[in-house]
Protein backbone atom coordinates (compact mmCIF):
# COMPACT_ATOMS: atom_id res chain seq x y z
CA MET A 1 -32.84 6.33 -6.46
CA LEU A 2 -32.28 10.05 -6.62
CA LYS A 3 -34.22 12.48 -8.78
CA ASN A 4 -32.49 13.59 -11.98
CA TYR A 5 -30.06 16.49 -11.69
CA SER A 6 -29.87 16.34 -7.91
CA SER A 7 -26.48 15.46 -6.51
CA ALA A 8 -25.96 13.10 -3.60
CA ILE A 9 -24.40 14.45 -0.42
CA GLU A 10 -24.51 11.06 1.31
CA PHE A 11 -23.77 7.57 0.08
CA TYR A 12 -24.52 4.06 1.28
CA LEU A 13 -21.80 1.43 1.09
CA LEU A 14 -23.25 -1.88 -0.08
CA GLY A 15 -20.33 -3.80 1.42
CA PHE A 16 -20.27 -7.58 1.07
CA PRO A 17 -23.21 -9.66 -0.11
CA GLY A 18 -24.26 -12.75 1.83
CA SER A 19 -25.81 -13.88 5.07
CA LYS A 20 -25.12 -12.66 8.60
CA GLU A 21 -23.14 -15.85 9.26
CA LEU A 22 -20.89 -15.14 6.27
CA HIS A 23 -20.40 -11.57 7.48
CA ASN A 24 -19.32 -12.86 10.90
CA ILE A 25 -16.77 -15.19 9.28
CA LEU A 26 -15.45 -12.36 7.08
CA PHE A 27 -15.25 -10.05 10.09
CA ALA A 28 -13.21 -12.56 12.12
CA THR A 29 -10.90 -13.26 9.17
CA PHE A 30 -10.29 -9.63 8.20
CA PHE A 31 -9.95 -8.53 11.83
CA PHE A 32 -7.25 -11.18 12.36
CA PHE A 33 -5.37 -10.11 9.22
CA TYR A 34 -5.64 -6.42 10.13
CA SER A 35 -4.57 -6.93 13.77
CA VAL A 36 -1.56 -9.07 12.84
CA SER A 37 -0.55 -6.56 10.17
CA LEU A 38 -0.71 -3.66 12.66
CA ILE A 39 1.26 -5.53 15.34
CA ALA A 40 3.91 -6.75 12.89
CA ASN A 41 4.42 -3.29 11.39
CA MET A 42 4.60 -1.68 14.85
CA VAL A 43 7.26 -4.24 15.84
CA ILE A 44 9.27 -3.35 12.72
CA ILE A 45 9.01 0.40 13.45
CA PHE A 46 9.99 -0.10 17.09
CA MET A 47 12.98 -2.29 16.22
CA VAL A 48 14.26 0.12 13.57
CA CYS A 49 13.98 3.07 15.98
CA VAL A 50 15.63 1.54 19.05
CA ASP A 51 18.35 -0.78 17.72
CA LYS A 52 21.45 0.74 16.14
CA ARG A 53 22.10 -2.42 14.12
CA LEU A 54 18.98 -1.64 12.06
CA GLN A 55 19.67 2.06 11.57
CA THR A 56 20.76 1.69 7.95
CA PRO A 57 19.13 3.03 4.75
CA MET A 58 17.33 -0.24 3.97
CA TYR A 59 15.69 -0.45 7.40
CA PHE A 60 15.05 3.30 7.45
CA PHE A 61 12.98 2.89 4.28
CA LEU A 62 11.38 -0.26 5.68
CA GLY A 63 10.27 1.62 8.78
CA HIS A 64 8.57 4.29 6.68
CA LEU A 65 7.01 1.62 4.48
CA SER A 66 5.54 0.05 7.61
CA VAL A 67 4.09 3.42 8.66
CA LEU A 68 2.53 3.87 5.22
CA GLU A 69 1.01 0.39 5.24
CA MET A 70 -0.43 0.89 8.73
CA LEU A 71 -2.03 4.18 7.71
CA THR A 72 -3.32 2.87 4.38
CA THR A 73 -5.09 -0.09 5.94
CA THR A 74 -6.39 2.00 8.87
CA VAL A 75 -8.03 4.44 6.46
CA ILE A 76 -10.18 1.64 4.98
CA VAL A 77 -10.28 -1.56 7.03
CA PRO A 78 -11.89 -0.36 10.32
CA LEU A 79 -14.80 1.12 8.36
CA MET A 80 -15.07 -2.12 6.39
CA LEU A 81 -15.12 -4.17 9.62
CA TRP A 82 -17.78 -1.91 11.12
CA GLY A 83 -19.88 -2.39 7.98
CA LEU A 84 -19.74 -6.16 8.41
CA LEU A 85 -21.31 -5.80 11.87
CA LEU A 86 -24.16 -3.55 10.73
CA PRO A 87 -27.49 -5.14 9.70
CA GLY A 88 -27.93 -2.89 6.65
CA MET A 89 -25.93 -0.59 4.41
CA GLN A 90 -23.40 1.82 5.90
CA ALA A 91 -23.94 5.57 5.42
CA ILE A 92 -21.03 7.91 4.64
CA SER A 93 -21.13 11.59 3.69
CA LEU A 94 -19.63 12.91 0.45
CA THR A 95 -17.01 14.84 2.46
CA ALA A 96 -15.96 11.77 4.47
CA CYS A 97 -15.94 9.75 1.26
CA CYS A 98 -13.56 12.19 -0.45
CA VAL A 99 -11.31 12.40 2.62
CA GLN A 100 -11.06 8.61 2.72
CA LEU A 101 -10.35 8.46 -1.02
CA TYR A 102 -7.70 11.20 -0.77
CA LEU A 103 -5.85 9.58 2.13
CA TYR A 104 -5.97 6.15 0.51
CA LEU A 105 -4.65 7.36 -2.86
CA SER A 106 -2.03 9.68 -1.34
CA LEU A 107 -0.61 7.03 0.98
CA GLY A 108 -0.64 4.47 -1.84
CA THR A 109 1.22 6.84 -4.17
CA SER A 110 3.84 7.54 -1.49
CA GLU A 111 4.25 3.80 -1.01
CA PHE A 112 4.98 3.26 -4.71
CA ILE A 113 7.64 5.99 -4.66
CA LEU A 114 9.21 4.40 -1.60
CA PHE A 115 9.23 0.98 -3.30
CA ALA A 116 11.21 2.53 -6.16
CA ALA A 117 13.64 4.16 -3.72
CA MET A 118 14.19 0.81 -1.99
CA ALA A 119 14.96 -0.80 -5.36
CA VAL A 120 17.60 1.84 -6.09
CA ASP A 121 18.99 1.30 -2.58
CA ARG A 122 19.36 -2.43 -3.32
CA TYR A 123 21.00 -1.61 -6.67
CA VAL A 124 23.65 0.54 -5.00
CA ALA A 125 24.21 -2.08 -2.27
CA VAL A 126 24.76 -4.93 -4.76
CA CYS A 127 26.33 -3.18 -7.75
CA ASN A 128 28.33 -0.43 -6.02
CA PRO A 129 28.97 -1.68 -2.47
CA LEU A 130 32.11 0.41 -1.97
CA ARG A 131 30.18 3.62 -2.64
CA TYR A 132 27.05 2.59 -0.74
CA ASN A 133 27.70 4.66 2.40
CA ILE A 134 28.59 7.69 0.27
CA VAL A 135 25.58 7.50 -2.06
CA MET A 136 22.98 6.37 0.48
CA ASN A 137 23.95 8.73 3.28
CA SER A 138 21.51 9.92 5.93
CA HIS A 139 20.87 13.23 4.15
CA THR A 140 19.93 11.47 0.90
CA CYS A 141 17.68 8.96 2.65
CA LEU A 142 15.86 11.69 4.56
CA TRP A 143 15.18 13.66 1.40
CA VAL A 144 13.98 10.56 -0.46
CA VAL A 145 11.44 9.87 2.29
CA ILE A 146 10.30 13.50 2.44
CA VAL A 147 9.84 13.63 -1.34
CA SER A 148 7.87 10.37 -1.36
CA TRP A 149 5.45 11.63 1.31
CA VAL A 150 5.05 15.15 -0.12
CA PHE A 151 4.71 13.95 -3.72
CA GLY A 152 2.00 11.45 -2.78
CA PHE A 153 -0.13 14.00 -0.95
CA LEU A 154 0.30 16.75 -3.58
CA PHE A 155 -0.19 14.51 -6.60
CA GLU A 156 -3.61 13.25 -5.52
CA ILE A 157 -5.18 16.66 -4.79
CA TRP A 158 -6.60 17.26 -8.28
CA PRO A 159 -7.89 13.69 -8.87
CA VAL A 160 -9.91 13.78 -5.65
CA TYR A 161 -11.02 17.37 -6.30
CA ALA A 162 -12.29 16.40 -9.77
CA THR A 163 -14.09 13.36 -8.34
CA SER A 164 -15.75 15.40 -5.58
CA HIS A 165 -17.18 17.86 -8.10
CA LEU A 166 -19.04 15.23 -10.11
CA THR A 167 -22.84 15.32 -10.11
CA PHE A 168 -24.19 12.10 -8.59
CA CYS A 169 -27.75 11.79 -9.86
CA LYS A 170 -28.08 8.09 -10.74
CA SER A 171 -28.02 6.60 -7.25
CA ASN A 172 -26.41 7.04 -3.86
CA VAL A 173 -25.50 3.36 -3.31
CA LEU A 174 -21.82 2.47 -3.74
CA ASN A 175 -21.34 -1.18 -4.63
CA HIS A 176 -18.19 -1.49 -2.54
CA PHE A 177 -16.93 -1.55 1.06
CA TYR A 178 -15.15 1.83 0.74
CA CYS A 179 -15.34 4.96 -1.39
CA ASP A 180 -13.93 3.54 -4.59
CA ARG A 181 -13.33 6.11 -7.32
CA GLY A 182 -14.58 3.77 -10.03
CA GLN A 183 -17.93 3.33 -8.27
CA LEU A 184 -18.25 7.11 -7.81
CA PHE A 185 -17.78 7.63 -11.55
CA LYS A 186 -20.37 4.94 -12.17
CA LEU A 187 -22.94 6.96 -10.19
CA SER A 188 -22.14 10.21 -11.96
CA CYS A 189 -24.44 11.59 -14.63
CA ASP A 190 -21.74 13.93 -15.99
CA ASN A 191 -19.86 13.29 -19.21
CA SER A 192 -16.65 12.28 -17.45
CA LEU A 193 -14.79 10.46 -20.24
CA PHE A 194 -12.07 13.12 -20.47
CA THR A 195 -11.64 13.25 -16.66
CA GLU A 196 -11.45 9.45 -16.49
CA PHE A 197 -8.82 9.44 -19.22
CA ILE A 198 -6.70 12.06 -17.40
CA LEU A 199 -6.98 10.09 -14.16
CA PHE A 200 -5.99 6.95 -16.07
CA LEU A 201 -2.85 8.70 -17.36
CA MET A 202 -2.00 9.98 -13.87
CA ALA A 203 -2.42 6.51 -12.36
CA ALA A 204 -0.29 5.03 -15.13
CA PHE A 205 2.37 7.68 -14.48
CA VAL A 206 2.56 6.74 -10.80
CA LEU A 207 2.60 2.99 -11.38
CA PHE A 208 4.96 2.81 -14.32
CA GLY A 209 6.98 5.83 -13.23
CA SER A 210 7.86 4.03 -10.00
CA LEU A 211 8.07 0.61 -11.63
CA SER A 212 10.60 1.71 -14.28
CA PRO A 213 13.53 2.43 -11.88
CA THR A 214 12.62 -0.76 -10.03
CA ILE A 215 12.89 -2.85 -13.21
CA VAL A 216 16.11 -1.15 -14.31
CA SER A 217 17.63 -1.61 -10.84
CA TYR A 218 16.83 -5.31 -10.79
CA LEU A 219 18.17 -5.84 -14.31
CA TYR A 220 21.51 -4.45 -13.14
CA ILE A 221 21.30 -6.44 -9.90
CA ILE A 222 20.65 -9.72 -11.75
CA SER A 223 23.47 -8.96 -14.19
CA THR A 224 25.88 -8.32 -11.29
CA ILE A 225 24.77 -11.42 -9.37
CA LEU A 226 25.30 -13.68 -12.41
CA LYS A 227 28.92 -12.49 -12.61
CA ILE A 228 29.67 -13.71 -9.07
CA PRO A 229 31.63 -16.99 -9.44
CA SER A 230 30.52 -18.86 -6.32
CA GLY A 231 27.01 -20.13 -5.71
CA SER A 232 27.08 -19.05 -2.07
CA GLY A 233 28.13 -15.54 -3.10
CA ARG A 234 25.30 -15.32 -5.63
CA TRP A 235 22.76 -16.47 -3.04
CA LYS A 236 24.06 -14.02 -0.42
CA ALA A 237 23.77 -11.13 -2.88
CA PHE A 238 20.30 -12.16 -4.02
CA SER A 239 19.03 -12.70 -0.47
CA THR A 240 19.51 -8.98 0.25
CA CYS A 241 16.98 -8.20 -2.51
CA ALA A 242 14.61 -11.19 -2.41
CA SER A 243 12.20 -9.75 0.17
CA HIS A 244 11.82 -6.42 -1.60
CA PHE A 245 11.48 -8.11 -4.99
CA THR A 246 8.71 -10.39 -3.68
CA CYS A 247 6.78 -7.46 -2.20
CA VAL A 248 7.16 -5.50 -5.44
CA VAL A 249 5.71 -8.37 -7.48
CA ILE A 250 2.76 -8.84 -5.11
CA GLY A 251 2.10 -5.12 -4.64
CA TYR A 252 2.28 -4.03 -8.28
CA SER A 253 0.36 -7.01 -9.67
CA SER A 254 -2.54 -6.52 -7.25
CA CYS A 255 -2.66 -2.74 -7.82
CA LEU A 256 -2.33 -2.89 -11.60
CA PHE A 257 -5.98 -3.73 -12.14
CA LEU A 258 -7.28 -1.27 -9.54
CA PHE A 259 -5.55 1.91 -10.74
CA VAL A 260 -4.54 1.57 -14.39
CA LYS A 261 -7.70 1.03 -16.41
CA PRO A 262 -9.29 3.37 -18.95
CA LYS A 263 -12.75 2.29 -17.80
CA GLN A 264 -13.33 2.94 -14.10
CA THR A 265 -16.74 1.20 -14.01
CA GLN A 266 -15.50 -2.40 -14.01
CA ALA A 267 -17.18 -5.46 -12.50
CA ALA A 268 -17.83 -4.82 -8.81
CA GLU A 269 -17.07 -8.34 -7.58
CA TYR A 270 -13.68 -8.49 -9.28
CA ASN A 271 -12.88 -5.00 -7.98
CA ARG A 272 -13.82 -6.06 -4.44
CA VAL A 273 -11.47 -9.04 -4.56
CA ALA A 274 -8.60 -6.95 -5.96
CA SER A 275 -9.19 -4.34 -3.25
CA LEU A 276 -9.02 -7.03 -0.56
CA MET A 277 -5.69 -8.17 -1.98
CA VAL A 278 -4.32 -4.61 -1.73
CA LEU A 279 -5.84 -3.66 1.63
CA VAL A 280 -5.88 -6.91 3.63
CA VAL A 281 -3.75 -9.70 2.16
CA THR A 282 -0.69 -7.75 0.96
CA PRO A 283 -0.24 -5.67 4.17
CA PHE A 284 -0.57 -8.92 6.12
CA LEU A 285 2.16 -10.66 4.10
CA ASN A 286 4.67 -7.82 3.65
CA PRO A 287 6.00 -7.59 7.25
CA PHE A 288 6.72 -11.33 7.27
CA ILE A 289 8.26 -11.32 3.80
CA PHE A 290 10.62 -8.50 4.83
CA THR A 291 11.62 -9.93 8.22
CA LEU A 292 11.38 -13.72 8.48
CA ARG A 293 14.17 -14.36 5.97
CA ASN A 294 16.23 -11.39 7.15
CA ASP A 295 18.98 -12.73 9.40
CA LYS A 296 19.95 -9.36 10.87
CA PHE A 297 16.37 -8.41 11.77
CA MET A 298 15.66 -11.84 13.27
CA GLU A 299 18.85 -11.57 15.35
CA VAL A 300 17.73 -8.20 16.70
CA PHE A 301 14.22 -9.53 17.33
CA ARG A 302 15.54 -12.54 19.25
CA ASP A 303 17.79 -10.32 21.36
CA ALA A 304 14.84 -8.03 22.14
CA ALA A 305 12.62 -11.00 23.00
CA LYS A 306 15.29 -12.38 25.36
CA SER A 307 15.65 -8.98 27.05
CA CYS A 308 11.87 -8.71 27.53
CA TYR A 309 11.73 -12.24 28.89
CA GLY A 310 14.54 -11.46 31.29
CA LEU A 311 12.76 -8.35 32.56
CA LEU A 312 9.51 -10.23 33.08
CA LYS A 313 11.26 -13.08 34.86
CA ALA A 314 13.18 -10.77 37.19
C-alpha cells in the first residue's frame, strides 16, 4: 500500500487467481487461441493482397479489420501470457501502462468505425447493386480506411491523457491482466466522477455512433431481402451479409459491458471474463466466421493451397 498523496509510477498486474497448474492450462489455451488468430488473420491479409479475385471493397475492409485485430490482441495477449508464466505479480510502469491502454483503445475504436463502414458496404451491395462500383470505388474505400485509423488514434488521446494524470495513492496493484482503465480509476484518490462521466459519454459515442449506421443498414438490407420472391435468391443475398452480421453481434455485445458503463470500478472477475471475450475468443472466431462460409474466399484459398502443394511436390 502506498502512502497517502504519493502517486504510483509503477503498477503490479494481479493477473489470474489460482494454482500454477491452472496457470499452465490457461497459458496453453490462450496461446493456442492467440496463435491460431494470428495465423488466420495473416492468411486473410496475404490472400487479399495477392489474389485479384479478392481485391474488392468488402475484402479490402476485411484485410484492414484483420490487421486491426492482430494489433489489438498483440498489444495485450503476449503480456498476459508472460504473466501466466511468472511466479508472482507482473510489474509495469505507468508510462508502459498508458501506452498499452492508448493502443488498445485506439485500435478498438478504429475497429468499430470499420465495422460500420462494412455494414454500409453490405447495404450498397444488397440494396443498390447497380451503383455498387460507383459508390464503393477505390478512392472512397481508401478514405474510409484512413478516416477509421486516424479517428481512432486521435479520439483516444484525451481519455488516456486524463487517466495518466490521476493521482494513484490507494494502491499500486491492478486487479487485472492488463492496464484496464476501470482498475486505474479504482486506485485513484482524486475526485474523478466528472472525468468518468465524460469518458462514459465518449465511449457511448463510439459504440452507438458506429452501431447506428450498422442497424440502419441492416434494417434496409432485411427489408430488401424480404422483397426477393425466391427462397434461393433471399438466401444468396443474406449470405453476403451473414458473416459480418455475426461478428457485429459478437463484437458489440462483448464490448458493451467493458466500455459503456457510468461506473468504471465494476466487479473484477466479471470484467476479466468480458475482457477475455474481447481479446481472445472474438479475435479467434472472427477469421473463421468471415471465411469458412465465404465461397469466393474458400475457392481462392483452395487454389493457393493446391499451388503450394504443387511447388512442394515438384
